[in-house]
N, C-alpha and C. Protein backbone atom coordinates (compact mmCIF):
# COMPACT_ATOMS: atom_id res chain seq x y z
N MET A 1 83.91 139.62 155.11
CA MET A 1 82.71 140.23 154.95
C MET A 1 82.73 140.29 153.09
N ARG A 2 83.98 140.71 152.88
CA ARG A 2 83.68 140.97 151.06
C ARG A 2 83.25 139.95 150.45
N LYS A 3 84.01 138.35 151.01
CA LYS A 3 83.66 136.88 150.64
C LYS A 3 82.25 136.46 150.48
N LEU A 4 81.43 137.28 151.47
CA LEU A 4 80.36 136.66 151.44
C LEU A 4 79.66 137.66 150.25
N LEU A 5 79.71 139.07 150.31
CA LEU A 5 79.10 139.88 149.01
C LEU A 5 79.31 139.34 147.81
N VAL A 6 80.66 138.41 147.73
CA VAL A 6 80.93 138.41 146.18
C VAL A 6 80.43 137.17 146.15
N ILE A 7 80.40 136.12 146.91
CA ILE A 7 79.55 134.61 146.83
C ILE A 7 77.75 135.34 146.71
N THR A 8 77.00 136.17 147.42
CA THR A 8 75.84 136.82 147.08
C THR A 8 75.89 137.22 145.82
N LEU A 9 76.91 138.19 145.43
CA LEU A 9 76.36 138.81 144.01
C LEU A 9 77.00 137.32 142.65
N VAL A 10 77.42 136.47 143.30
CA VAL A 10 77.71 135.20 142.06
C VAL A 10 76.10 134.50 142.10
N GLY A 11 75.39 134.23 143.19
CA GLY A 11 74.55 133.79 143.18
C GLY A 11 73.53 134.49 142.67
N ALA A 12 73.47 135.48 142.95
CA ALA A 12 72.10 136.49 142.09
C ALA A 12 72.44 136.58 140.59
N LEU A 13 73.69 136.44 139.96
CA LEU A 13 73.80 136.13 138.56
C LEU A 13 73.65 135.34 138.24
N TRP A 14 73.69 134.23 138.83
CA TRP A 14 73.68 132.74 138.02
C TRP A 14 72.35 132.59 138.25
N PHE A 15 71.47 133.28 139.05
CA PHE A 15 69.73 133.14 139.53
C PHE A 15 69.31 133.90 138.44
N ALA A 16 70.19 134.75 137.81
CA ALA A 16 69.26 136.02 137.10
C ALA A 16 69.60 135.31 135.72
N ALA A 17 70.80 134.24 135.57
CA ALA A 17 71.26 133.72 134.06
C ALA A 17 69.60 132.98 133.32
N LEU A 18 69.47 132.38 134.46
CA LEU A 18 68.21 131.11 133.90
C LEU A 18 66.84 131.87 134.07
N PRO A 19 66.13 132.00 132.37
CA PRO A 19 65.14 132.45 132.69
C PRO A 19 63.90 131.92 133.18
N GLY A 20 62.98 132.35 133.97
CA GLY A 20 61.73 131.94 134.29
C GLY A 20 61.20 130.85 133.54
N ALA A 21 60.83 131.38 131.92
CA ALA A 21 60.13 130.26 131.33
C ALA A 21 60.79 128.92 130.81
N ALA A 22 62.14 128.88 131.00
CA ALA A 22 63.07 127.67 130.67
C ALA A 22 62.81 126.79 132.50
N LEU A 23 63.07 127.74 133.14
CA LEU A 23 63.07 126.76 134.47
C LEU A 23 61.49 126.04 134.56
N ALA A 24 60.25 126.51 134.21
CA ALA A 24 59.03 126.31 134.21
C ALA A 24 58.92 124.95 133.45
N GLY A 25 60.05 124.86 132.19
CA GLY A 25 59.91 123.84 131.33
C GLY A 25 59.48 124.31 130.12
N GLY A 26 58.98 125.27 129.82
CA GLY A 26 58.48 126.07 128.69
C GLY A 26 59.66 125.79 127.64
N GLY A 27 60.35 126.59 127.99
CA GLY A 27 61.80 126.81 126.95
C GLY A 27 61.17 127.92 126.35
N TRP A 28 62.15 128.48 125.41
CA TRP A 28 61.80 129.56 123.88
C TRP A 28 60.90 129.08 123.10
N HIS A 29 60.70 127.28 123.47
CA HIS A 29 60.13 126.79 122.31
C HIS A 29 58.70 126.19 122.29
N GLY A 30 58.25 126.61 123.75
CA GLY A 30 57.00 126.54 123.99
C GLY A 30 56.76 125.06 124.34
N GLY A 31 57.49 124.73 125.21
CA GLY A 31 57.51 122.92 125.38
C GLY A 31 57.83 121.95 124.61
N TYR A 32 57.51 120.27 124.73
CA TYR A 32 58.00 119.71 123.85
C TYR A 32 57.18 119.13 123.01
N ARG A 33 57.71 119.31 121.58
CA ARG A 33 56.65 119.43 120.46
C ARG A 33 57.17 118.10 119.74
N GLY A 34 58.34 117.62 120.26
CA GLY A 34 58.60 116.42 119.31
C GLY A 34 59.20 117.07 117.83
N GLY A 35 60.03 116.11 117.79
CA GLY A 35 61.09 116.13 116.47
C GLY A 35 61.79 117.47 116.18
N TYR A 36 62.06 118.15 115.47
CA TYR A 36 62.81 119.42 115.18
C TYR A 36 61.98 120.39 116.09
N GLY A 37 62.92 121.40 116.98
CA GLY A 37 62.80 122.17 117.23
C GLY A 37 62.25 122.13 119.07
N GLY A 38 62.22 120.65 119.58
CA GLY A 38 61.98 120.12 121.04
C GLY A 38 62.89 121.20 121.71
N TYR A 39 62.74 119.74 123.09
CA TYR A 39 63.98 120.36 123.79
C TYR A 39 65.67 120.11 123.40
N TYR A 40 65.82 118.76 122.79
CA TYR A 40 66.88 118.43 121.93
C TYR A 40 67.43 118.82 120.79
N GLY A 41 66.51 119.79 119.86
CA GLY A 41 67.07 120.00 118.52
C GLY A 41 66.53 121.87 118.73
N GLY A 42 66.72 122.00 117.43
CA GLY A 42 66.46 123.43 117.58
C GLY A 42 67.64 124.67 117.42
N HIS A 43 67.48 125.53 117.95
CA HIS A 43 68.54 126.45 118.12
C HIS A 43 69.18 126.37 119.24
N GLY A 44 69.88 125.29 119.92
CA GLY A 44 70.76 125.10 120.66
C GLY A 44 70.40 125.07 122.16
N GLY A 45 68.92 124.91 121.97
CA GLY A 45 68.23 124.43 123.17
C GLY A 45 67.96 125.45 124.17
N TRP A 46 67.30 125.44 125.67
CA TRP A 46 67.16 126.53 126.16
C TRP A 46 68.32 127.00 126.90
N TRP A 47 68.97 126.06 127.42
CA TRP A 47 70.61 126.73 128.35
C TRP A 47 71.19 127.49 127.73
N TRP A 48 71.62 127.76 126.48
CA TRP A 48 72.51 128.14 126.07
C TRP A 48 72.43 129.77 126.76
N PRO A 49 71.61 130.81 126.25
CA PRO A 49 72.23 131.62 127.14
C PRO A 49 72.21 132.15 128.44
N GLY A 50 71.48 131.08 129.16
CA GLY A 50 72.02 130.87 130.65
C GLY A 50 73.64 130.50 130.96
N ALA A 51 74.11 130.10 130.14
CA ALA A 51 75.57 129.28 129.97
C ALA A 51 76.11 130.17 129.77
N VAL A 52 75.96 131.43 128.84
CA VAL A 52 76.57 132.42 128.38
C VAL A 52 76.75 133.40 129.50
N ILE A 53 75.54 133.89 130.17
CA ILE A 53 75.99 134.91 131.18
C ILE A 53 76.14 133.93 132.42
N GLY A 54 75.88 132.74 132.63
CA GLY A 54 76.88 132.48 133.72
C GLY A 54 77.99 132.75 133.57
N GLY A 55 78.88 131.98 132.26
CA GLY A 55 80.04 132.06 132.35
C GLY A 55 80.63 133.47 132.82
N LEU A 56 80.06 134.33 131.63
CA LEU A 56 80.49 136.32 132.31
C LEU A 56 80.52 136.11 133.69
N ALA A 57 79.11 135.86 134.58
CA ALA A 57 79.31 135.94 136.00
C ALA A 57 80.50 135.29 136.85
N LEU A 58 81.05 134.06 136.30
CA LEU A 58 81.84 133.38 136.87
C LEU A 58 83.30 134.41 136.28
N GLY A 59 83.38 134.69 135.13
CA GLY A 59 84.55 135.30 135.34
C GLY A 59 84.55 136.80 135.93
N ALA A 60 83.60 137.11 135.96
CA ALA A 60 83.60 138.59 136.54
C ALA A 60 83.52 138.35 138.16
N ALA A 61 83.51 137.14 138.90
CA ALA A 61 83.81 136.78 140.11
C ALA A 61 85.16 136.45 139.98
N ALA A 62 86.05 136.06 139.02
CA ALA A 62 87.33 135.86 139.32
C ALA A 62 88.05 136.81 139.27
N ILE A 63 87.58 137.84 138.41
CA ILE A 63 88.75 139.15 138.40
C ILE A 63 88.05 139.84 139.90
N VAL A 64 87.05 140.11 140.40
CA VAL A 64 87.10 140.91 141.64
C VAL A 64 88.31 139.62 142.27
N THR A 65 88.01 139.01 142.67
CA THR A 65 88.44 138.14 143.88
C THR A 65 89.55 137.85 143.58
N ALA A 66 90.75 138.04 142.45
CA ALA A 66 91.76 137.63 141.86
C ALA A 66 92.88 138.57 142.83
N PRO A 67 92.42 140.03 143.49
CA PRO A 67 93.83 140.55 144.02
C PRO A 67 94.01 139.43 145.60
N PHE A 68 92.79 138.33 145.91
CA PHE A 68 92.82 137.97 147.23
C PHE A 68 93.72 137.13 146.89
N TRP A 69 93.63 136.54 145.91
CA TRP A 69 94.42 135.18 145.71
C TRP A 69 96.05 135.64 145.26
N ALA A 70 96.10 136.71 144.76
CA ALA A 70 97.63 136.78 144.63
C ALA A 70 98.31 137.51 145.78
N LEU A 71 97.91 137.96 146.62
CA LEU A 71 98.21 138.83 148.07
C LEU A 71 97.98 137.48 149.34
N SER A 72 97.28 136.47 148.88
CA SER A 72 97.56 135.28 149.72
C SER A 72 98.80 134.90 150.33
N ALA A 73 99.01 134.02 151.22
CA ALA A 73 100.17 133.32 151.79
C ALA A 73 100.68 132.46 150.94
N ALA A 74 101.64 132.36 150.38
CA ALA A 74 102.26 131.42 149.64
C ALA A 74 101.96 129.86 150.38
N PRO A 75 101.67 128.65 149.83
CA PRO A 75 101.80 127.65 150.53
C PRO A 75 103.44 126.81 151.01
N ALA A 76 103.35 126.56 151.86
CA ALA A 76 104.89 126.24 152.87
C ALA A 76 105.07 124.80 152.47
N TYR A 77 106.22 124.76 151.15
CA TYR A 77 106.48 123.32 150.69
C TYR A 77 107.87 122.68 151.29
N ALA A 78 107.49 121.52 151.80
CA ALA A 78 108.40 120.57 152.35
C ALA A 78 109.66 120.78 151.32
N PRO A 79 111.02 120.44 151.89
CA PRO A 79 112.40 120.15 151.33
C PRO A 79 112.09 118.25 150.52
N PRO A 80 112.03 118.47 149.30
CA PRO A 80 112.24 117.13 148.76
C PRO A 80 113.07 116.05 149.87
N PRO A 81 112.24 114.79 149.85
CA PRO A 81 113.05 113.85 151.20
C PRO A 81 114.42 112.92 150.29
N ALA A 82 114.95 112.88 151.22
CA ALA A 82 116.53 111.87 150.58
C ALA A 82 116.27 110.95 150.25
N TYR A 83 116.61 110.38 149.65
CA TYR A 83 116.47 109.11 148.87
C TYR A 83 117.63 108.17 149.15
N ALA A 84 117.93 106.90 149.63
CA ALA A 84 118.66 106.04 149.79
C ALA A 84 119.43 105.62 148.29
N PRO A 85 120.69 105.05 148.40
CA PRO A 85 121.22 104.94 147.12
C PRO A 85 120.89 103.83 146.16
N PRO A 86 121.07 103.92 145.32
CA PRO A 86 120.70 102.16 144.66
C PRO A 86 120.76 101.30 145.41
N VAL A 87 120.57 100.44 145.26
CA VAL A 87 120.70 98.50 145.91
C VAL A 87 121.43 98.11 144.58
N VAL A 88 122.81 97.31 145.22
CA VAL A 88 123.66 96.86 143.96
C VAL A 88 123.60 95.67 143.56
N TYR A 89 123.24 95.24 142.51
CA TYR A 89 123.05 93.86 142.07
C TYR A 89 124.06 93.01 142.32
N THR A 90 124.02 91.71 142.75
CA THR A 90 125.05 90.44 143.33
C THR A 90 124.34 89.47 142.22
N PRO A 91 124.92 88.84 141.62
CA PRO A 91 124.71 87.55 140.85
C PRO A 91 124.45 86.79 142.31
N PRO A 92 123.28 86.17 142.30
CA PRO A 92 122.84 84.89 143.77
C PRO A 92 124.12 83.33 143.48
N PRO A 93 124.16 83.12 144.54
CA PRO A 93 125.11 82.09 144.59
C PRO A 93 124.71 80.62 143.76
N THR A 94 125.45 80.37 143.24
CA THR A 94 125.50 79.08 142.69
C THR A 94 125.21 78.19 143.68
N TYR A 95 124.12 76.71 143.49
CA TYR A 95 124.00 75.98 144.02
C TYR A 95 124.38 74.50 143.38
N ALA A 96 124.78 74.29 142.18
CA ALA A 96 124.93 73.21 141.56
C ALA A 96 125.73 73.27 140.25
N PRO A 97 126.23 72.28 139.93
CA PRO A 97 127.53 72.19 139.02
C PRO A 97 126.98 72.83 137.94
N PRO A 98 127.78 73.40 136.75
CA PRO A 98 127.35 74.00 135.60
C PRO A 98 126.85 72.60 135.02
N PRO A 99 125.83 72.77 133.68
CA PRO A 99 125.26 71.70 132.95
C PRO A 99 126.72 71.35 132.06
N THR A 100 126.47 70.08 131.85
CA THR A 100 127.60 69.45 130.76
C THR A 100 126.96 68.55 129.68
N TYR A 101 127.40 68.82 128.79
CA TYR A 101 126.74 67.89 127.41
C TYR A 101 126.50 66.60 127.58
N GLN A 102 125.51 65.86 127.00
CA GLN A 102 125.37 64.67 127.05
C GLN A 102 124.93 63.98 125.74
N GLN A 103 125.35 63.11 125.00
CA GLN A 103 125.02 61.98 123.73
C GLN A 103 123.58 62.27 124.07
N ALA A 104 122.87 62.35 122.74
CA ALA A 104 121.46 62.15 122.47
C ALA A 104 121.37 60.73 122.41
N PRO A 105 120.44 59.81 123.34
CA PRO A 105 120.50 58.16 122.70
C PRO A 105 120.08 58.15 121.66
N SER A 106 120.21 56.54 121.59
CA SER A 106 120.15 56.37 120.18
C SER A 106 119.17 55.44 120.18
N TYR A 107 118.12 55.21 119.47
CA TYR A 107 116.75 54.22 119.51
C TYR A 107 116.80 53.56 118.38
N PRO A 108 116.68 52.10 118.40
CA PRO A 108 116.58 51.22 117.11
C PRO A 108 115.41 51.72 116.08
N PRO A 109 115.56 51.32 114.84
CA PRO A 109 115.12 51.64 114.13
C PRO A 109 113.60 51.25 114.52
N PRO A 110 112.33 51.65 113.41
CA PRO A 110 111.08 51.36 113.77
C PRO A 110 110.68 50.14 113.04
N PRO A 111 109.80 49.17 113.59
CA PRO A 111 109.92 48.44 112.95
C PRO A 111 108.91 48.23 111.52
N GLN A 112 109.22 47.38 110.77
CA GLN A 112 108.59 47.61 109.82
C GLN A 112 107.04 47.27 109.25
N ALA A 113 106.51 48.07 108.51
CA ALA A 113 104.91 47.61 108.14
C ALA A 113 104.96 46.70 108.43
N ALA A 114 103.84 46.03 108.82
CA ALA A 114 103.05 44.31 108.32
C ALA A 114 102.86 44.50 106.53
N ALA A 115 102.75 43.60 106.19
CA ALA A 115 102.54 43.32 104.61
C ALA A 115 100.84 43.49 104.87
N ILE A 116 100.47 43.70 103.80
CA ILE A 116 98.70 44.57 103.31
C ILE A 116 98.57 43.29 102.32
N GLN A 117 97.56 43.12 102.50
CA GLN A 117 97.14 42.21 101.41
C GLN A 117 96.43 42.66 100.20
N ARG A 118 97.29 42.97 99.44
CA ARG A 118 96.99 43.48 98.13
C ARG A 118 96.03 43.63 96.90
N GLU A 119 95.29 42.33 97.30
CA GLU A 119 94.60 41.72 96.20
C GLU A 119 93.60 40.73 96.94
N VAL A 120 92.29 41.18 96.07
CA VAL A 120 90.92 40.32 96.77
C VAL A 120 90.68 39.51 95.32
N VAL A 121 90.42 38.17 95.36
CA VAL A 121 90.35 37.79 93.85
C VAL A 121 88.72 36.91 94.27
N TYR A 122 88.04 37.52 92.78
CA TYR A 122 86.94 37.03 92.92
C TYR A 122 86.56 35.45 91.48
N PRO A 123 85.59 35.20 91.39
CA PRO A 123 85.82 34.27 89.93
C PRO A 123 85.51 35.03 89.20
N THR A 124 84.90 36.48 88.86
CA THR A 124 84.78 36.82 87.60
C THR A 124 85.92 38.07 87.66
N GLY A 125 86.75 38.43 88.62
CA GLY A 125 88.08 39.23 88.22
C GLY A 125 88.45 39.33 89.86
N ARG A 126 89.21 40.35 89.94
CA ARG A 126 89.99 41.10 91.25
C ARG A 126 90.28 42.03 91.25
N TYR A 127 90.19 42.82 92.89
CA TYR A 127 90.63 44.25 93.18
C TYR A 127 92.04 44.29 93.34
N VAL A 128 92.70 45.26 93.09
CA VAL A 128 94.16 45.07 93.48
C VAL A 128 94.28 46.74 93.89
N LEU A 129 95.00 46.60 95.24
CA LEU A 129 95.26 47.60 95.73
C LEU A 129 96.94 48.39 95.35
N TYR A 130 96.24 50.10 95.15
CA TYR A 130 97.80 50.41 94.69
C TYR A 130 97.90 51.75 95.69
N GLY A 131 98.91 52.31 95.78
CA GLY A 131 99.69 53.33 96.97
C GLY A 131 99.99 52.61 98.43
N ASP A 132 100.73 53.69 98.80
CA ASP A 132 101.26 53.09 100.40
C ASP A 132 100.49 53.83 101.09
N GLY A 133 99.12 54.85 100.86
CA GLY A 133 98.80 55.70 102.02
C GLY A 133 99.49 56.96 102.67
N VAL A 134 100.70 57.29 102.29
CA VAL A 134 101.65 58.14 102.71
C VAL A 134 101.55 59.17 101.55
N ARG A 135 102.84 58.44 100.56
CA ARG A 135 103.23 59.47 99.53
C ARG A 135 102.00 59.29 98.49
N GLN A 136 101.36 58.27 98.60
CA GLN A 136 100.15 58.34 97.25
C GLN A 136 99.12 57.53 97.95
N PRO A 137 97.97 58.20 97.80
CA PRO A 137 96.63 57.74 98.55
C PRO A 137 96.19 56.28 97.98
N TRP A 138 95.60 55.52 98.86
CA TRP A 138 95.01 54.06 98.46
C TRP A 138 93.92 54.54 97.50
N ARG A 139 94.32 53.36 96.38
CA ARG A 139 93.14 53.17 95.79
C ARG A 139 93.10 51.96 94.96
N TRP A 140 91.73 50.95 94.96
CA TRP A 140 91.61 49.62 94.76
C TRP A 140 90.99 50.08 93.30
N VAL A 141 91.50 49.03 92.57
CA VAL A 141 91.26 48.88 90.63
C VAL A 141 90.67 47.58 90.31
N TRP A 142 89.53 47.27 90.08
CA TRP A 142 88.96 46.45 89.77
C TRP A 142 89.72 45.87 88.30
N VAL A 143 90.15 44.65 88.41
CA VAL A 143 90.74 43.66 87.41
C VAL A 143 89.92 42.82 86.72
N PRO A 144 89.13 42.67 86.01
CA PRO A 144 88.09 41.67 85.22
C PRO A 144 89.31 40.55 85.14
N SER A 145 88.46 39.34 85.09
CA SER A 145 89.27 38.09 84.74
C SER A 145 89.55 37.65 83.29
N THR A 146 90.16 37.00 82.81
CA THR A 146 90.11 36.32 81.20
C THR A 146 88.77 35.54 81.17
N SER A 147 87.88 35.76 80.59
CA SER A 147 86.79 34.48 80.30
C SER A 147 87.18 33.57 79.47
N PRO A 148 86.50 32.27 79.42
CA PRO A 148 86.82 31.60 78.14
C PRO A 148 85.91 32.11 77.17
N PRO A 149 86.07 31.76 75.98
CA PRO A 149 85.27 32.09 74.52
C PRO A 149 83.83 31.41 75.41
N PRO A 150 82.89 32.15 74.71
CA PRO A 150 81.82 31.57 74.85
C PRO A 150 81.35 30.59 73.76
N PRO A 151 81.14 29.05 74.28
CA PRO A 151 80.33 28.11 73.29
C PRO A 151 79.99 28.31 72.27
N PRO A 152 80.65 27.36 71.05
CA PRO A 152 79.73 27.88 69.57
C PRO A 152 78.23 27.58 69.52
N SER A 153 77.51 28.33 69.02
CA SER A 153 76.25 28.42 68.99
C SER A 153 76.03 26.46 68.25
N PRO A 154 75.03 25.76 68.38
CA PRO A 154 74.66 24.85 68.00
C PRO A 154 73.73 24.83 66.53
N VAL A 155 74.49 24.06 65.53
CA VAL A 155 74.41 23.78 64.19
C VAL A 155 72.84 23.46 64.02
N PRO A 156 72.12 23.92 63.29
CA PRO A 156 70.68 23.11 63.23
C PRO A 156 70.72 22.15 62.26
């Protein structure tokens, strides 16, 4: 009976904590006006007084029902379970002989690179290839050929 009375009292205080204008959607700001002061801005919104009064009501209900909690039967606890002793680790059996050292195989030296044509000759000169492509980049250089001197001009 007393529990029903406490639940009724808490419900009544909770319902009283929510003002009628806020439940109707008006709030203390006269409804949604957009911008500052609407539902989400302004002076904390319409829910603040309800939260304060509701918190006070729940606190009062907790104080009133505290003797029931203190005098209730203690919960029965089971004794802790017994645990098995830890398992002892044994190394796995070996199925193969231990590894042995082997000499690394010897390989023949790599073949020498094929000869590269380093000159391309034309009647007016030649191109010469410099570099090896690894330590120095490839570079073709034009070397003009020595031409014979021009013929002497005819005497008039």
